[in-house]
Structures are given as C-alpha cells and as structure tokens.
C-alpha cells in the first residue's frame, strides 16, 4: 500500500486496521525545503532563516499530525538540528571566532583549538550563541 499517495499520506494496515503514515516522497520534499533554508547560499539573514524554518516545520507538522510517525519525526528533528548547527558553524568563518565560541562552552583549550582547525572532519560540535 506504500504506492498509494493522497495529500502526502500513504495507508498501511496494522492489526487489521488501516492507518496513515507519511509518504516517503513527502519526507524527501520536506528535506529539500529544509536544505534550501539552512543552506549558505539562500540570501536570507539569520532572523529571516529562523522565521522561515519555523514556518516550514510548524506547517509540515500540522499537516501530518494524523500520521503514525513518531520515530520518523524524531529522526527528522535530529537531522534538522544538525543542519542548523552546520549553518551556524559555517557562518563563523575565522578559526579564532570558532575557538572563542568553543571556549565559552568551557571546552578544554586543546579540544577547542582542534575542532576549528580540522576543516570538515569535525563531527558534532556544540555551538555557543555568545558568552
């Protein structure tokens, strides 16, 4: 029943009962919109990006509130948070700025210097807004 798509939902049967789930194409379309907002070449400022991201997420969640998608939504939440961290990290272009922000989080000097100087191999880096 995954092939049937109606308003972004698809149907499935669980214990003899038909239920709703979010169609995979709807998830991919949503991820594409999030990529546009969190990308670096969208021309939006930080505040405009926050507003647009909030509108997208709230609208999407309200539309799909009837679906059984707890694990999917948790995964999307993690992915969106990762995109936001990436966008913030990439805005801080200078190594010294990144280092100073990591020091605000009380990270040891050695580690706080290693993350900004590693380039792309940073993994999950905590982000401080300001000291």
C-alpha atoms as a PDB file:
ATOM      1  CA  UNK A   1       0.000   0.000   0.000  1.00  0.00           C
ATOM      2  CA  UNK A   2       3.020   2.333   0.001  1.00  0.00           C
ATOM      3  CA  UNK A   3       2.344   3.211  -3.637  1.00  0.00           C
ATOM      4  CA  UNK A   4      -0.934   4.997  -2.891  1.00  0.00           C
ATOM      5  CA  UNK A   5      -0.332   8.640  -2.037  1.00  0.00           C
ATOM      6  CA  UNK A   6      -3.030  11.118  -1.093  1.00  0.00           C
ATOM      7  CA  UNK A   7      -2.213  14.593   0.267  1.00  0.00           C
ATOM      8  CA  UNK A   8       1.235  13.357   1.263  1.00  0.00           C
ATOM      9  CA  UNK A   9      -0.099  10.425   3.277  1.00  0.00           C
ATOM     10  CA  UNK A  10       0.031   6.747   2.478  1.00  0.00           C
ATOM     11  CA  UNK A  11      -2.046   3.974   4.016  1.00  0.00           C
ATOM     12  CA  UNK A  12      -0.916   0.819   5.758  1.00  0.00           C
ATOM     13  CA  UNK A  13      -2.641  -1.964   7.666  1.00  0.00           C
ATOM     14  CA  UNK A  14      -1.794  -2.652  11.312  1.00  0.00           C
ATOM     15  CA  UNK A  15      -3.668  -5.434  13.144  1.00  0.00           C
ATOM     16  CA  UNK A  16      -6.457  -5.342  10.585  1.00  0.00           C
ATOM     17  CA  UNK A  17      -6.884  -1.582  10.884  1.00  0.00           C
ATOM     18  CA  UNK A  18      -5.971   0.916   8.173  1.00  0.00           C
ATOM     19  CA  UNK A  19      -3.713   3.695   9.413  1.00  0.00           C
ATOM     20  CA  UNK A  20      -1.908   6.712   7.995  1.00  0.00           C
ATOM     21  CA  UNK A  21       1.796   7.301   7.557  1.00  0.00           C
ATOM     22  CA  UNK A  22       3.818   9.978   5.823  1.00  0.00           C
ATOM     23  CA  UNK A  23       4.702   9.044   2.265  1.00  0.00           C
ATOM     24  CA  UNK A  24       8.481   8.876   1.608  1.00  0.00           C
ATOM     25  CA  UNK A  25       8.217  11.404  -1.246  1.00  0.00           C
ATOM     26  CA  UNK A  26       6.701  13.920   1.183  1.00  0.00           C
ATOM     27  CA  UNK A  27       9.642  13.436   3.533  1.00  0.00           C
ATOM     28  CA  UNK A  28      12.146  13.952   0.710  1.00  0.00           C
ATOM     29  CA  UNK A  29      10.339  17.104  -0.444  1.00  0.00           C
ATOM     30  CA  UNK A  30      10.371  18.463   3.126  1.00  0.00           C
ATOM     31  CA  UNK A  31      14.090  17.732   3.480  1.00  0.00           C
ATOM     32  CA  UNK A  32      14.745  19.605   0.237  1.00  0.00           C
ATOM     33  CA  UNK A  33      12.945  22.674   1.575  1.00  0.00           C
ATOM     34  CA  UNK A  34      14.921  22.496   4.829  1.00  0.00           C
ATOM     35  CA  UNK A  35      18.159  22.263   2.829  1.00  0.00           C
ATOM     36  CA  UNK A  36      17.206  25.440   0.963  1.00  0.00           C
ATOM     37  CA  UNK A  37      16.563  27.348   4.195  1.00  0.00           C
ATOM     38  CA  UNK A  38      19.644  26.092   6.064  1.00  0.00           C
ATOM     39  CA  UNK A  39      21.979  26.354   3.086  1.00  0.00           C
ATOM     40  CA  UNK A  40      24.621  29.043   2.893  1.00  0.00           C
ATOM     41  CA  UNK A  41      23.656  30.471  -0.488  1.00  0.00           C
ATOM     42  CA  UNK A  42      19.988  31.253   0.142  1.00  0.00           C
ATOM     43  CA  UNK A  43      20.440  35.010   0.597  1.00  0.00           C
ATOM     44  CA  UNK A  44      18.473  35.057   3.855  1.00  0.00           C
ATOM     45  CA  UNK A  45      19.776  36.584   7.039  1.00  0.00           C
ATOM     46  CA  UNK A  46      19.799  34.692  10.315  1.00  0.00           C
ATOM     47  CA  UNK A  47      16.475  36.116  11.544  1.00  0.00           C
ATOM     48  CA  UNK A  48      14.682  35.559   8.224  1.00  0.00           C
ATOM     49  CA  UNK A  49      16.040  31.999   8.169  1.00  0.00           C
ATOM     50  CA  UNK A  50      14.733  31.325  11.682  1.00  0.00           C
ATOM     51  CA  UNK A  51      11.285  32.605  10.778  1.00  0.00           C
ATOM     52  CA  UNK A  52      11.140  30.606   7.522  1.00  0.00           C
ATOM     53  CA  UNK A  53      12.408  27.427   9.189  1.00  0.00           C
ATOM     54  CA  UNK A  54       9.847  27.783  11.964  1.00  0.00           C
ATOM     55  CA  UNK A  55       7.050  28.282   9.411  1.00  0.00           C
ATOM     56  CA  UNK A  56       8.122  25.230   7.431  1.00  0.00           C
ATOM     57  CA  UNK A  57       8.377  22.910  10.419  1.00  0.00           C
ATOM     58  CA  UNK A  58       5.138  24.044  12.073  1.00  0.00           C
ATOM     59  CA  UNK A  59       3.179  23.871   8.834  1.00  0.00           C
ATOM     60  CA  UNK A  60       4.512  20.437   7.975  1.00  0.00           C
ATOM     61  CA  UNK A  61       3.844  19.082  11.465  1.00  0.00           C
ATOM     62  CA  UNK A  62       0.305  20.456  11.497  1.00  0.00           C
ATOM     63  CA  UNK A  63      -0.413  18.879   8.114  1.00  0.00           C
ATOM     64  CA  UNK A  64       0.899  15.451   9.138  1.00  0.00           C
ATOM     65  CA  UNK A  65      -0.365  15.378  12.739  1.00  0.00           C
ATOM     66  CA  UNK A  66      -2.693  12.451  11.953  1.00  0.00           C
ATOM     67  CA  UNK A  67       0.117  10.161  10.784  1.00  0.00           C
ATOM     68  CA  UNK A  68       1.839   7.467  12.840  1.00  0.00           C
ATOM     69  CA  UNK A  69       5.376   8.781  12.544  1.00  0.00           C
ATOM     70  CA  UNK A  70       6.965   9.125  15.966  1.00  0.00           C
ATOM     71  CA  UNK A  71      10.335   7.620  15.003  1.00  0.00           C
ATOM     72  CA  UNK A  72      10.391   9.400  11.632  1.00  0.00           C
ATOM     73  CA  UNK A  73       9.758  12.760  13.296  1.00  0.00           C
ATOM     74  CA  UNK A  74      12.451  12.124  15.912  1.00  0.00           C
ATOM     75  CA  UNK A  75      14.902  11.345  13.125  1.00  0.00           C
ATOM     76  CA  UNK A  76      13.903  14.475  11.215  1.00  0.00           C
ATOM     77  CA  UNK A  77      14.301  16.556  14.383  1.00  0.00           C
ATOM     78  CA  UNK A  78      17.858  15.273  14.846  1.00  0.00           C
ATOM     79  CA  UNK A  79      18.637  15.911  11.182  1.00  0.00           C
ATOM     80  CA  UNK A  80      17.242  19.478  11.277  1.00  0.00           C
ATOM     81  CA  UNK A  81      19.216  20.279  14.437  1.00  0.00           C
ATOM     82  CA  UNK A  82      22.353  19.001  12.726  1.00  0.00           C
ATOM     83  CA  UNK A  83      21.648  21.246   9.694  1.00  0.00           C
ATOM     84  CA  UNK A  84      21.204  24.249  11.989  1.00  0.00           C
ATOM     85  CA  UNK A  85      24.498  23.503  13.780  1.00  0.00           C
ATOM     86  CA  UNK A  86      26.216  23.208  10.410  1.00  0.00           C
ATOM     87  CA  UNK A  87      24.811  26.562   9.261  1.00  0.00           C
ATOM     88  CA  UNK A  88      25.930  28.322  12.452  1.00  0.00           C
ATOM     89  CA  UNK A  89      29.377  26.705  12.338  1.00  0.00           C
ATOM     90  CA  UNK A  90      29.885  27.667   8.690  1.00  0.00           C
ATOM     91  CA  UNK A  91      28.913  31.308   9.365  1.00  0.00           C
ATOM     92  CA  UNK A  92      31.830  31.585  11.768  1.00  0.00           C
ATOM     93  CA  UNK A  93      34.485  31.592   9.130  1.00  0.00           C
ATOM     94  CA  UNK A  94      37.532  32.537  11.180  1.00  0.00           C
ATOM     95  CA  UNK A  95      39.300  29.965  13.294  1.00  0.00           C
ATOM     96  CA  UNK A  96      39.710  32.443  16.138  1.00  0.00           C
ATOM     97  CA  UNK A  97      35.939  33.124  16.265  1.00  0.00           C
ATOM     98  CA  UNK A  98      35.179  29.402  16.370  1.00  0.00           C
ATOM     99  CA  UNK A  99      37.813  28.887  19.064  1.00  0.00           C
ATOM    100  CA  UNK A 100      36.466  31.734  21.212  1.00  0.00           C
ATOM    101  CA  UNK A 101      32.904  30.419  20.955  1.00  0.00           C
ATOM    102  CA  UNK A 102      34.001  26.937  21.963  1.00  0.00           C
ATOM    103  CA  UNK A 103      35.894  28.385  24.934  1.00  0.00           C
ATOM    104  CA  UNK A 104      32.607  29.996  26.057  1.00  0.00           C
ATOM    105  CA  UNK A 105      31.269  26.454  26.395  1.00  0.00           C
ATOM    106  CA  UNK A 106      34.146  25.650  28.778  1.00  0.00           C
ATOM    107  CA  UNK A 107      35.738  23.157  26.399  1.00  0.00           C
ATOM    108  CA  UNK A 108      39.392  22.393  27.082  1.00  0.00           C
ATOM    109  CA  UNK A 109      41.878  24.521  25.122  1.00  0.00           C
ATOM    110  CA  UNK A 110      43.307  21.569  23.222  1.00  0.00           C
ATOM    111  CA  UNK A 111      39.918  20.348  22.000  1.00  0.00           C
ATOM    112  CA  UNK A 112      38.589  23.878  21.400  1.00  0.00           C
ATOM    113  CA  UNK A 113      41.570  24.519  19.110  1.00  0.00           C
ATOM    114  CA  UNK A 114      41.405  21.125  17.379  1.00  0.00           C
ATOM    115  CA  UNK A 115      37.787  21.412  16.148  1.00  0.00           C
ATOM    116  CA  UNK A 116      38.123  24.702  14.242  1.00  0.00           C
ATOM    117  CA  UNK A 117      41.426  23.708  12.642  1.00  0.00           C
ATOM    118  CA  UNK A 118      40.312  20.296  11.382  1.00  0.00           C
ATOM    119  CA  UNK A 119      38.244  21.550   8.451  1.00  0.00           C
ATOM    120  CA  UNK A 120      35.408  19.228   7.507  1.00  0.00           C
ATOM    121  CA  UNK A 121      36.235  16.360   9.881  1.00  0.00           C
ATOM    122  CA  UNK A 122      34.559  17.893  12.928  1.00  0.00           C
ATOM    123  CA  UNK A 123      31.701  15.544  13.761  1.00  0.00           C
ATOM    124  CA  UNK A 124      29.169  17.009  16.180  1.00  0.00           C
ATOM    125  CA  UNK A 125      30.392  20.295  17.574  1.00  0.00           C
ATOM    126  CA  UNK A 126      28.421  22.124  20.269  1.00  0.00           C
ATOM    127  CA  UNK A 127      27.507  25.665  19.319  1.00  0.00           C
ATOM    128  CA  UNK A 128      27.581  28.622  21.742  1.00  0.00           C
ATOM    129  CA  UNK A 129      25.481  31.640  20.829  1.00  0.00           C
ATOM    130  CA  UNK A 130      27.558  34.102  22.871  1.00  0.00           C
ATOM    131  CA  UNK A 131      29.467  34.302  26.159  1.00  0.00           C
END
